[in-house]
Amino acid sequence: MPDLFGQLSAVTTRPALYATLTTPDLWTDPHISARMLAAHLDPDVDLSTYRTELRERVLAWLVDRFDVGEGTSVADLGCGPGLYTTPLARTGAAVTGLDLSTRSLDHARALARAEGLPVRYLHQDYLAYREDVRYDLVLLIMRDYGALPPEQRRALLGTVRDHLAPGGSFVLDVDHLPAFAAVREETVFAPDLMDGFWSADPYFGFRTTHRYDEERVSLDRYDVVEAERTRTFCNWVRYFDPEELTSELDAAGLRTVDVLGDLSGAPFDPDGPQFAVVATAG
């Protein structure tokens, strides 16, 4: 009989910090990317993007705060199916979206074609993106920054710095340190965990949550056991306070000009679960 005890021990043992990085797999696996797209398009779910009510407030604030319209150039890093790029393009702004998911980009391009909007979409990893183009506004929405390990965060900020126009703004949101206090270490097991999210075939799923207290990082590790294979997916989250995030931005040559409660422009809440920052090239 296989060493079931040893296998379960491996599933629940806390790995070294950032030992496994699997974020691209979420966007390139045919089944998972389809489920991610469905979550994007569900107006009442906050899994892949913010639900419609908040998204509309975010868009209204972005257009007002940065005077988005004719003559404005915008880049949305991790644009998904065009839920932000499409409305921003309706203002007359020149909009570029970057994403790893061909499925999401196909949806975004179809939206743009249907409305005759000249949105430019690039199937590209924003960590490695380099082009002789400058943007007045660069967006990183849905707390993607905290999912990256330190070296990738530095690479991302290099991308932003090298593509911001003089006087341009970088807008992002992150998980706030008070939310880390609510993270509990646990293991959850279920057949077809998350209603078949991880595979079209039958599977057994384990979700194990780990805390890394000194580094202020949590990990949701998903082990997906199918008949012919076992796969692991890791969702890392770094929790920040404004001083820590400002320090990382400063080190990349980006100056923080505003700290907000979220991307709708709400006031900063010291006890809130997230916050947003506006930065500019220093």
C-alpha atoms as a PDB file:
ATOM      1  CA  MET A   1       0.000   0.000   0.000  1.00  0.00           C
ATOM      2  CA  PRO A   2       1.402   3.446  -0.837  1.00  0.00           C
ATOM      3  CA  ASP A   3       2.804   5.498   2.026  1.00  0.00           C
ATOM      4  CA  LEU A   4      -0.425   7.424   2.579  1.00  0.00           C
ATOM      5  CA  PHE A   5       0.786   8.874   5.884  1.00  0.00           C
ATOM      6  CA  GLY A   6       3.920  10.220   4.235  1.00  0.00           C
ATOM      7  CA  GLN A   7       1.952  11.679   1.348  1.00  0.00           C
ATOM      8  CA  LEU A   8      -0.484  13.448   3.667  1.00  0.00           C
ATOM      9  CA  SER A   9       2.419  14.728   5.748  1.00  0.00           C
ATOM     10  CA  ALA A  10       3.979  16.211   2.627  1.00  0.00           C
ATOM     11  CA  VAL A  11       0.702  17.908   1.702  1.00  0.00           C
ATOM     12  CA  THR A  12       0.364  19.583   5.109  1.00  0.00           C
ATOM     13  CA  THR A  13       4.033  20.431   5.812  1.00  0.00           C
ATOM     14  CA  ARG A  14       4.784  24.138   5.539  1.00  0.00           C
ATOM     15  CA  PRO A  15       7.113  24.759   2.557  1.00  0.00           C
ATOM     16  CA  ALA A  16       9.936  27.256   2.534  1.00  0.00           C
ATOM     17  CA  LEU A  17       8.787  30.780   1.798  1.00  0.00           C
ATOM     18  CA  TYR A  18       8.112  31.223  -1.944  1.00  0.00           C
ATOM     19  CA  ALA A  19       9.536  27.744  -2.617  1.00  0.00           C
ATOM     20  CA  THR A  20       6.897  27.091  -5.272  1.00  0.00           C
ATOM     21  CA  LEU A  21       5.461  29.755  -7.576  1.00  0.00           C
ATOM     22  CA  THR A  22       2.494  28.673  -9.666  1.00  0.00           C
ATOM     23  CA  THR A  23       0.567  31.860 -10.484  1.00  0.00           C
ATOM     24  CA  PRO A  24       1.058  31.582 -14.289  1.00  0.00           C
ATOM     25  CA  ASP A  25      -0.510  28.105 -14.201  1.00  0.00           C
ATOM     26  CA  LEU A  26      -3.847  29.615 -13.174  1.00  0.00           C
ATOM     27  CA  TRP A  27      -3.969  31.564 -16.426  1.00  0.00           C
ATOM     28  CA  THR A  28      -2.528  28.997 -18.839  1.00  0.00           C
ATOM     29  CA  ASP A  29      -4.269  25.762 -17.788  1.00  0.00           C
ATOM     30  CA  PRO A  30      -7.282  25.381 -20.128  1.00  0.00           C
ATOM     31  CA  HIS A  31      -9.761  24.271 -17.454  1.00  0.00           C
ATOM     32  CA  ILE A  32      -8.625  26.591 -14.662  1.00  0.00           C
ATOM     33  CA  SER A  33      -8.390  29.613 -16.958  1.00  0.00           C
ATOM     34  CA  ALA A  34     -11.983  28.964 -18.030  1.00  0.00           C
ATOM     35  CA  ARG A  35     -13.084  28.911 -14.399  1.00  0.00           C
ATOM     36  CA  MET A  36     -11.059  32.057 -13.695  1.00  0.00           C
ATOM     37  CA  LEU A  37     -12.751  33.796 -16.618  1.00  0.00           C
ATOM     38  CA  ALA A  38     -16.163  32.730 -15.322  1.00  0.00           C
ATOM     39  CA  ALA A  39     -15.281  34.214 -11.939  1.00  0.00           C
ATOM     40  CA  HIS A  40     -14.171  37.436 -13.649  1.00  0.00           C
ATOM     41  CA  LEU A  41     -17.526  37.712 -15.367  1.00  0.00           C
ATOM     42  CA  ASP A  42     -19.670  36.879 -12.330  1.00  0.00           C
ATOM     43  CA  PRO A  43     -20.911  40.272 -11.072  1.00  0.00           C
ATOM     44  CA  ASP A  44     -21.289  39.036  -7.487  1.00  0.00           C
ATOM     45  CA  VAL A  45     -17.921  37.296  -6.964  1.00  0.00           C
ATOM     46  CA  ASP A  46     -14.640  38.822  -5.744  1.00  0.00           C
ATOM     47  CA  LEU A  47     -12.369  35.927  -6.745  1.00  0.00           C
ATOM     48  CA  SER A  48     -10.663  37.183  -9.914  1.00  0.00           C
ATOM     49  CA  THR A  49     -11.744  40.817  -9.923  1.00  0.00           C
ATOM     50  CA  TYR A  50     -13.943  43.084  -7.868  1.00  0.00           C
ATOM     51  CA  ARG A  51     -17.683  42.648  -8.112  1.00  0.00           C
ATOM     52  CA  THR A  52     -19.571  44.986 -10.402  1.00  0.00           C
ATOM     53  CA  GLU A  53     -20.719  47.491  -7.785  1.00  0.00           C
ATOM     54  CA  LEU A  54     -17.194  48.226  -6.552  1.00  0.00           C
ATOM     55  CA  ARG A  55     -15.702  48.046 -10.045  1.00  0.00           C
ATOM     56  CA  GLU A  56     -18.030  50.795 -11.239  1.00  0.00           C
ATOM     57  CA  ARG A  57     -16.952  52.997  -8.337  1.00  0.00           C
ATOM     58  CA  VAL A  58     -13.297  52.272  -9.082  1.00  0.00           C
ATOM     59  CA  LEU A  59     -13.737  53.260 -12.724  1.00  0.00           C
ATOM     60  CA  ALA A  60     -15.583  56.463 -11.820  1.00  0.00           C
ATOM     61  CA  TRP A  61     -12.822  57.436  -9.396  1.00  0.00           C
ATOM     62  CA  LEU A  62     -10.028  56.659 -11.876  1.00  0.00           C
ATOM     63  CA  VAL A  63     -11.635  58.749 -14.619  1.00  0.00           C
ATOM     64  CA  ASP A  64     -12.248  61.669 -12.270  1.00  0.00           C
ATOM     65  CA  ARG A  65      -8.961  61.578 -10.348  1.00  0.00           C
ATOM     66  CA  PHE A  66      -6.711  61.214 -13.399  1.00  0.00           C
ATOM     67  CA  ASP A  67      -8.864  63.043 -15.936  1.00  0.00           C
ATOM     68  CA  VAL A  68      -8.937  59.977 -18.178  1.00  0.00           C
ATOM     69  CA  GLY A  69     -10.113  60.776 -21.697  1.00  0.00           C
ATOM     70  CA  GLU A  70      -8.851  61.973 -25.062  1.00  0.00           C
ATOM     71  CA  GLY A  71      -5.090  62.365 -24.907  1.00  0.00           C
ATOM     72  CA  THR A  72      -4.628  60.027 -21.918  1.00  0.00           C
ATOM     73  CA  SER A  73      -2.599  56.818 -22.286  1.00  0.00           C
ATOM     74  CA  VAL A  74      -3.406  53.969 -19.889  1.00  0.00           C
ATOM     75  CA  ALA A  75      -1.839  50.554 -19.261  1.00  0.00           C
ATOM     76  CA  ASP A  76      -3.669  47.880 -17.270  1.00  0.00           C
ATOM     77  CA  LEU A  77      -1.220  45.223 -16.035  1.00  0.00           C
ATOM     78  CA  GLY A  78      -3.057  41.915 -15.704  1.00  0.00           C
ATOM     79  CA  CYS A  79      -6.063  43.263 -17.589  1.00  0.00           C
ATOM     80  CA  GLY A  80      -8.031  39.989 -17.674  1.00  0.00           C
ATOM     81  CA  PRO A  81     -11.133  40.046 -19.892  1.00  0.00           C
ATOM     82  CA  GLY A  82     -11.196  43.818 -20.316  1.00  0.00           C
ATOM     83  CA  LEU A  83     -13.463  44.811 -17.447  1.00  0.00           C
ATOM     84  CA  TYR A  84     -11.425  47.974 -16.843  1.00  0.00           C
ATOM     85  CA  THR A  85      -9.790  48.524 -20.214  1.00  0.00           C
ATOM     86  CA  THR A  86     -13.100  48.540 -22.102  1.00  0.00           C
ATOM     87  CA  PRO A  87     -14.815  51.270 -20.018  1.00  0.00           C
ATOM     88  CA  LEU A  88     -11.631  53.349 -19.911  1.00  0.00           C
ATOM     89  CA  ALA A  89     -11.349  53.129 -23.716  1.00  0.00           C
ATOM     90  CA  ARG A  90     -14.908  54.447 -23.994  1.00  0.00           C
ATOM     91  CA  THR A  91     -13.628  57.768 -22.629  1.00  0.00           C
ATOM     92  CA  GLY A  92     -11.400  58.160 -25.689  1.00  0.00           C
ATOM     93  CA  ALA A  93      -8.207  57.228 -23.831  1.00  0.00           C
ATOM     94  CA  ALA A  94      -5.530  55.169 -25.588  1.00  0.00           C
ATOM     95  CA  VAL A  95      -5.616  51.931 -23.596  1.00  0.00           C
ATOM     96  CA  THR A  96      -3.228  48.958 -23.514  1.00  0.00           C
ATOM     97  CA  GLY A  97      -3.925  45.736 -21.607  1.00  0.00           C
ATOM     98  CA  LEU A  98      -1.384  43.036 -20.761  1.00  0.00           C
ATOM     99  CA  ASP A  99      -2.246  39.534 -19.574  1.00  0.00           C
ATOM    100  CA  LEU A 100      -0.966  35.945 -19.558  1.00  0.00           C
ATOM    101  CA  SER A 101      -4.350  34.378 -20.254  1.00  0.00           C
ATOM    102  CA  THR A 102      -5.156  33.933 -23.940  1.00  0.00           C
ATOM    103  CA  ARG A 103      -8.710  33.017 -22.945  1.00  0.00           C
ATOM    104  CA  SER A 104      -9.199  36.303 -21.081  1.00  0.00           C
ATOM    105  CA  LEU A 105      -7.564  38.306 -23.850  1.00  0.00           C
ATOM    106  CA  ASP A 106      -9.816  36.701 -26.450  1.00  0.00           C
ATOM    107  CA  HIS A 107     -12.825  37.843 -24.432  1.00  0.00           C
ATOM    108  CA  ALA A 108     -11.376  41.335 -24.047  1.00  0.00           C
ATOM    109  CA  ARG A 109     -10.647  41.641 -27.765  1.00  0.00           C
ATOM    110  CA  ALA A 110     -14.181  40.514 -28.586  1.00  0.00           C
ATOM    111  CA  LEU A 111     -15.589  43.237 -26.325  1.00  0.00           C
ATOM    112  CA  ALA A 112     -13.417  45.849 -27.997  1.00  0.00           C
ATOM    113  CA  ARG A 113     -14.394  44.722 -31.500  1.00  0.00           C
ATOM    114  CA  ALA A 114     -18.086  44.742 -30.613  1.00  0.00           C
ATOM    115  CA  GLU A 115     -17.861  48.413 -29.622  1.00  0.00           C
ATOM    116  CA  GLY A 116     -15.288  49.483 -32.193  1.00  0.00           C
ATOM    117  CA  LEU A 117     -12.793  50.405 -29.478  1.00  0.00           C
ATOM    118  CA  PRO A 118      -9.098  50.488 -30.460  1.00  0.00           C
ATOM    119  CA  VAL A 119      -7.807  48.822 -27.291  1.00  0.00           C
ATOM    120  CA  ARG A 120      -4.338  47.315 -27.695  1.00  0.00           C
ATOM    121  CA  TYR A 121      -3.958  43.923 -26.024  1.00  0.00           C
ATOM    122  CA  LEU A 122      -0.626  42.190 -25.455  1.00  0.00           C
ATOM    123  CA  HIS A 123      -0.225  38.539 -24.495  1.00  0.00           C
ATOM    124  CA  GLN A 124       2.740  39.183 -22.248  1.00  0.00           C
ATOM    125  CA  ASP A 125       4.130  38.780 -18.745  1.00  0.00           C
ATOM    126  CA  TYR A 126       4.163  42.259 -17.262  1.00  0.00           C
ATOM    127  CA  LEU A 127       7.275  41.414 -15.240  1.00  0.00           C
ATOM    128  CA  ALA A 128       9.301  41.235 -18.459  1.00  0.00           C
ATOM    129  CA  TYR A 129       7.400  43.850 -20.471  1.00  0.00           C
ATOM    130  CA  ARG A 130       9.640  46.387 -22.152  1.00  0.00           C
ATOM    131  CA  GLU A 131       8.545  48.676 -24.964  1.00  0.00           C
ATOM    132  CA  ASP A 132       9.399  52.189 -26.071  1.00  0.00           C
ATOM    133  CA  VAL A 133       6.044  53.472 -24.852  1.00  0.00           C
ATOM    134  CA  ARG A 134       5.128  55.716 -21.932  1.00  0.00           C
ATOM    135  CA  TYR A 135       1.790  55.846 -20.134  1.00  0.00           C
ATOM    136  CA  ASP A 136       0.062  58.577 -18.179  1.00  0.00           C
ATOM    137  CA  LEU A 137      -1.605  55.996 -15.953  1.00  0.00           C
ATOM    138  CA  VAL A 138      -0.498  52.452 -15.070  1.00  0.00           C
ATOM    139  CA  LEU A 139      -2.911  50.184 -13.168  1.00  0.00           C
ATOM    140  CA  LEU A 140      -2.351  47.039 -11.097  1.00  0.00           C
ATOM    141  CA  ILE A 141      -5.748  46.033  -9.746  1.00  0.00           C
ATOM    142  CA  MET A 142      -6.988  43.303  -7.383  1.00  0.00           C
ATOM    143  CA  ARG A 143      -3.991  43.214  -5.043  1.00  0.00           C
ATOM    144  CA  ASP A 144      -1.723  41.381  -7.505  1.00  0.00           C
ATOM    145  CA  TYR A 145       1.379  43.051  -6.090  1.00  0.00           C
ATOM    146  CA  GLY A 146       1.276  41.088  -2.844  1.00  0.00           C
ATOM    147  CA  ALA A 147       1.071  37.763  -4.695  1.00  0.00           C
ATOM    148  CA  LEU A 148       4.638  38.249  -5.960  1.00  0.00           C
ATOM    149  CA  PRO A 149       7.878  37.346  -4.158  1.00  0.00           C
ATOM    150  CA  PRO A 150      10.309  40.229  -3.486  1.00  0.00           C
ATOM    151  CA  GLU A 151      12.404  39.790  -6.642  1.00  0.00           C
ATOM    152  CA  GLN A 152       9.295  39.778  -8.828  1.00  0.00           C
ATOM    153  CA  ARG A 153       7.918  42.837  -7.046  1.00  0.00           C
ATOM    154  CA  ARG A 154      11.163  44.632  -7.877  1.00  0.00           C
ATOM    155  CA  ALA A 155      10.870  43.520 -11.512  1.00  0.00           C
ATOM    156  CA  LEU A 156       7.291  44.775 -11.671  1.00  0.00           C
ATOM    157  CA  LEU A 157       8.214  48.159 -10.251  1.00  0.00           C
ATOM    158  CA  GLY A 158      11.004  48.371 -12.817  1.00  0.00           C
ATOM    159  CA  THR A 159       8.427  47.778 -15.546  1.00  0.00           C
ATOM    160  CA  VAL A 160       6.233  50.535 -14.128  1.00  0.00           C
ATOM    161  CA  ARG A 161       9.081  53.020 -13.691  1.00  0.00           C
ATOM    162  CA  ASP A 162      10.366  52.460 -17.222  1.00  0.00           C
ATOM    163  CA  HIS A 163       6.916  52.997 -18.750  1.00  0.00           C
ATOM    164  CA  LEU A 164       5.556  55.951 -16.795  1.00  0.00           C
ATOM    165  CA  ALA A 165       5.360  59.225 -18.690  1.00  0.00           C
ATOM    166  CA  PRO A 166       6.701  62.329 -16.926  1.00  0.00           C
ATOM    167  CA  GLY A 167       4.082  63.226 -14.344  1.00  0.00           C
ATOM    168  CA  GLY A 168       2.333  59.890 -14.860  1.00  0.00           C
ATOM    169  CA  SER A 169       0.720  57.901 -12.047  1.00  0.00           C
ATOM    170  CA  PHE A 170       0.894  54.291 -10.875  1.00  0.00           C
ATOM    171  CA  VAL A 171      -2.153  52.993  -9.010  1.00  0.00           C
ATOM    172  CA  LEU A 172      -2.245  49.700  -7.105  1.00  0.00           C
ATOM    173  CA  ASP A 173      -3.923  48.072  -4.141  1.00  0.00           C
ATOM    174  CA  VAL A 174      -2.597  45.556  -1.612  1.00  0.00           C
ATOM    175  CA  ASP A 175      -3.733  43.508   1.358  1.00  0.00           C
ATOM    176  CA  HIS A 176      -3.389  45.505   4.574  1.00  0.00           C
ATOM    177  CA  LEU A 177      -1.506  44.154   7.594  1.00  0.00           C
ATOM    178  CA  PRO A 178      -4.615  43.990   9.859  1.00  0.00           C
ATOM    179  CA  ALA A 179      -6.049  41.318   7.532  1.00  0.00           C
ATOM    180  CA  PHE A 180      -3.104  39.046   8.384  1.00  0.00           C
ATOM    181  CA  ALA A 181      -4.387  38.743  11.939  1.00  0.00           C
ATOM    182  CA  ALA A 182      -7.424  36.870  10.622  1.00  0.00           C
ATOM    183  CA  VAL A 183      -5.367  34.188   8.821  1.00  0.00           C
ATOM    184  CA  ARG A 184      -5.684  30.804  10.513  1.00  0.00           C
ATOM    185  CA  GLU A 185      -3.556  27.762   9.761  1.00  0.00           C
ATOM    186  CA  GLU A 186      -5.771  24.856   8.732  1.00  0.00           C
ATOM    187  CA  THR A 187      -6.240  22.059   6.217  1.00  0.00           C
ATOM    188  CA  VAL A 188      -9.505  21.547   4.346  1.00  0.00           C
ATOM    189  CA  PHE A 189     -10.190  18.406   2.300  1.00  0.00           C
ATOM    190  CA  ALA A 190     -13.023  17.697  -0.143  1.00  0.00           C
ATOM    191  CA  PRO A 191     -13.682  15.650  -3.260  1.00  0.00           C
ATOM    192  CA  ASP A 192     -13.686  18.083  -6.198  1.00  0.00           C
ATOM    193  CA  LEU A 193     -12.694  20.904  -3.835  1.00  0.00           C
ATOM    194  CA  MET A 194     -14.195  24.261  -4.867  1.00  0.00           C
ATOM    195  CA  ASP A 195     -16.865  22.626  -7.007  1.00  0.00           C
ATOM    196  CA  GLY A 196     -14.555  21.257  -9.689  1.00  0.00           C
ATOM    197  CA  PHE A 197     -12.503  24.453 -10.033  1.00  0.00           C
ATOM    198  CA  TRP A 198      -9.166  22.653 -10.378  1.00  0.00           C
ATOM    199  CA  SER A 199      -9.932  19.995 -12.996  1.00  0.00           C
ATOM    200  CA  ALA A 200     -12.618  18.751 -15.342  1.00  0.00           C
ATOM    201  CA  ASP A 201     -11.818  15.206 -14.135  1.00  0.00           C
ATOM    202  CA  PRO A 202     -12.686  13.841 -10.670  1.00  0.00           C
ATOM    203  CA  TYR A 203     -10.122  14.739  -8.013  1.00  0.00           C
ATOM    204  CA  PHE A 204      -9.491  15.018  -4.308  1.00  0.00           C
ATOM    205  CA  GLY A 205      -8.480  18.481  -3.171  1.00  0.00           C
ATOM    206  CA  PHE A 206      -6.559  19.722  -0.136  1.00  0.00           C
ATOM    207  CA  ARG A 207      -6.273  23.393   0.804  1.00  0.00           C
ATOM    208  CA  THR A 208      -3.663  24.034   3.470  1.00  0.00           C
ATOM    209  CA  THR A 209      -3.170  27.527   4.889  1.00  0.00           C
ATOM    210  CA  HIS A 210       0.199  28.521   6.358  1.00  0.00           C
ATOM    211  CA  ARG A 211       1.361  31.683   8.120  1.00  0.00           C
ATOM    212  CA  TYR A 212       4.853  33.169   7.869  1.00  0.00           C
ATOM    213  CA  ASP A 213       4.681  35.567  10.777  1.00  0.00           C
ATOM    214  CA  GLU A 214       8.066  37.245  10.498  1.00  0.00           C
ATOM    215  CA  GLU A 215       7.633  37.941   6.786  1.00  0.00           C
ATOM    216  CA  ARG A 216       3.897  38.826   7.066  1.00  0.00           C
ATOM    217  CA  VAL A 217       2.982  36.346   4.364  1.00  0.00           C
ATOM    218  CA  SER A 218       0.260  33.731   4.096  1.00  0.00           C
ATOM    219  CA  LEU A 219       0.033  30.750   1.763  1.00  0.00           C
ATOM    220  CA  ASP A 220      -3.026  28.887   0.553  1.00  0.00           C
ATOM    221  CA  ARG A 221      -1.591  25.712  -0.932  1.00  0.00           C
ATOM    222  CA  TYR A 222      -3.900  23.574  -3.069  1.00  0.00           C
ATOM    223  CA  ASP A 223      -2.936  19.953  -3.706  1.00  0.00           C
ATOM    224  CA  VAL A 224      -5.071  18.394  -6.432  1.00  0.00           C
ATOM    225  CA  VAL A 225      -4.945  14.586  -6.585  1.00  0.00           C
ATOM    226  CA  GLU A 226      -6.304  13.047  -9.795  1.00  0.00           C
ATOM    227  CA  ALA A 227      -6.181   9.440 -10.980  1.00  0.00           C
ATOM    228  CA  GLU A 228      -3.105  10.000 -13.138  1.00  0.00           C
ATOM    229  CA  ARG A 229      -1.392  13.017 -11.596  1.00  0.00           C
ATOM    230  CA  THR A 230      -1.043  15.257  -8.555  1.00  0.00           C
ATOM    231  CA  ARG A 231      -0.594  19.000  -8.929  1.00  0.00           C
ATOM    232  CA  THR A 232       0.131  21.796  -6.469  1.00  0.00           C
ATOM    233  CA  PHE A 233      -0.952  25.429  -6.738  1.00  0.00           C
ATOM    234  CA  CYS A 234       0.264  28.132  -4.359  1.00  0.00           C
ATOM    235  CA  ASN A 235      -1.471  31.405  -3.594  1.00  0.00           C
ATOM    236  CA  TRP A 236       0.989  33.635  -1.707  1.00  0.00           C
ATOM    237  CA  VAL A 237      -0.165  36.873  -0.091  1.00  0.00           C
ATOM    238  CA  ARG A 238       2.139  39.527   1.364  1.00  0.00           C
ATOM    239  CA  TYR A 239       0.412  41.917   3.775  1.00  0.00           C
ATOM    240  CA  PHE A 240       1.681  45.500   3.938  1.00  0.00           C
ATOM    241  CA  ASP A 241       1.319  48.642   5.934  1.00  0.00           C
ATOM    242  CA  PRO A 242       1.654  51.951   4.065  1.00  0.00           C
ATOM    243  CA  GLU A 243       5.199  52.537   5.303  1.00  0.00           C
ATOM    244  CA  GLU A 244       6.429  49.179   3.994  1.00  0.00           C
ATOM    245  CA  LEU A 245       4.821  49.639   0.599  1.00  0.00           C
ATOM    246  CA  THR A 246       6.103  53.201   0.324  1.00  0.00           C
ATOM    247  CA  SER A 247       9.606  51.938   1.107  1.00  0.00           C
ATOM    248  CA  GLU A 248       9.477  49.409  -1.750  1.00  0.00           C
ATOM    249  CA  LEU A 249       8.158  52.038  -4.142  1.00  0.00           C
ATOM    250  CA  ASP A 250      10.849  54.509  -3.080  1.00  0.00           C
ATOM    251  CA  ALA A 251      13.569  51.923  -3.679  1.00  0.00           C
ATOM    252  CA  ALA A 252      12.323  51.571  -7.260  1.00  0.00           C
ATOM    253  CA  GLY A 253      12.312  55.319  -7.875  1.00  0.00           C
ATOM    254  CA  LEU A 254       8.571  55.762  -7.399  1.00  0.00           C
ATOM    255  CA  ARG A 255       7.219  58.374  -4.990  1.00  0.00           C
ATOM    256  CA  THR A 256       4.001  57.758  -3.063  1.00  0.00           C
ATOM    257  CA  VAL A 257       1.651  60.722  -3.351  1.00  0.00           C
ATOM    258  CA  ASP A 258      -1.527  59.318  -1.797  1.00  0.00           C
ATOM    259  CA  VAL A 259      -2.688  56.444   0.416  1.00  0.00           C
ATOM    260  CA  LEU A 260      -6.362  55.484   0.187  1.00  0.00           C
ATOM    261  CA  GLY A 261      -8.735  52.933   1.627  1.00  0.00           C
ATOM    262  CA  ASP A 262      -9.306  51.245  -1.720  1.00  0.00           C
ATOM    263  CA  LEU A 263      -9.309  51.906  -5.456  1.00  0.00           C
ATOM    264  CA  SER A 264     -12.614  53.757  -5.315  1.00  0.00           C
ATOM    265  CA  GLY A 265     -10.844  56.607  -3.514  1.00  0.00           C
ATOM    266  CA  ALA A 266     -12.237  55.841  -0.057  1.00  0.00           C
ATOM    267  CA  PRO A 267     -10.296  57.338   2.865  1.00  0.00           C
ATOM    268  CA  PHE A 268      -7.524  55.207   4.325  1.00  0.00           C
ATOM    269  CA  ASP A 269      -8.736  53.010   7.199  1.00  0.00           C
ATOM    270  CA  PRO A 270      -5.979  51.953   9.621  1.00  0.00           C
ATOM    271  CA  ASP A 271      -7.994  48.828  10.468  1.00  0.00           C
ATOM    272  CA  GLY A 272      -9.189  48.054   6.931  1.00  0.00           C
ATOM    273  CA  PRO A 273      -8.379  44.800   5.101  1.00  0.00           C
ATOM    274  CA  GLN A 274      -6.746  46.536   2.135  1.00  0.00           C
ATOM    275  CA  PHE A 275      -5.498  49.892   0.950  1.00  0.00           C
ATOM    276  CA  ALA A 276      -4.478  51.579  -2.281  1.00  0.00           C
ATOM    277  CA  VAL A 277      -1.598  53.828  -3.260  1.00  0.00           C
ATOM    278  CA  VAL A 278      -1.011  56.416  -5.951  1.00  0.00           C
ATOM    279  CA  ALA A 279       2.640  56.861  -6.910  1.00  0.00           C
ATOM    280  CA  THR A 280       4.561  58.768  -9.522  1.00  0.00           C
ATOM    281  CA  ALA A 281       8.060  58.618 -10.938  1.00  0.00           C
ATOM    282  CA  GLY A 282      10.356  60.075  -8.318  1.00  0.00           C
END
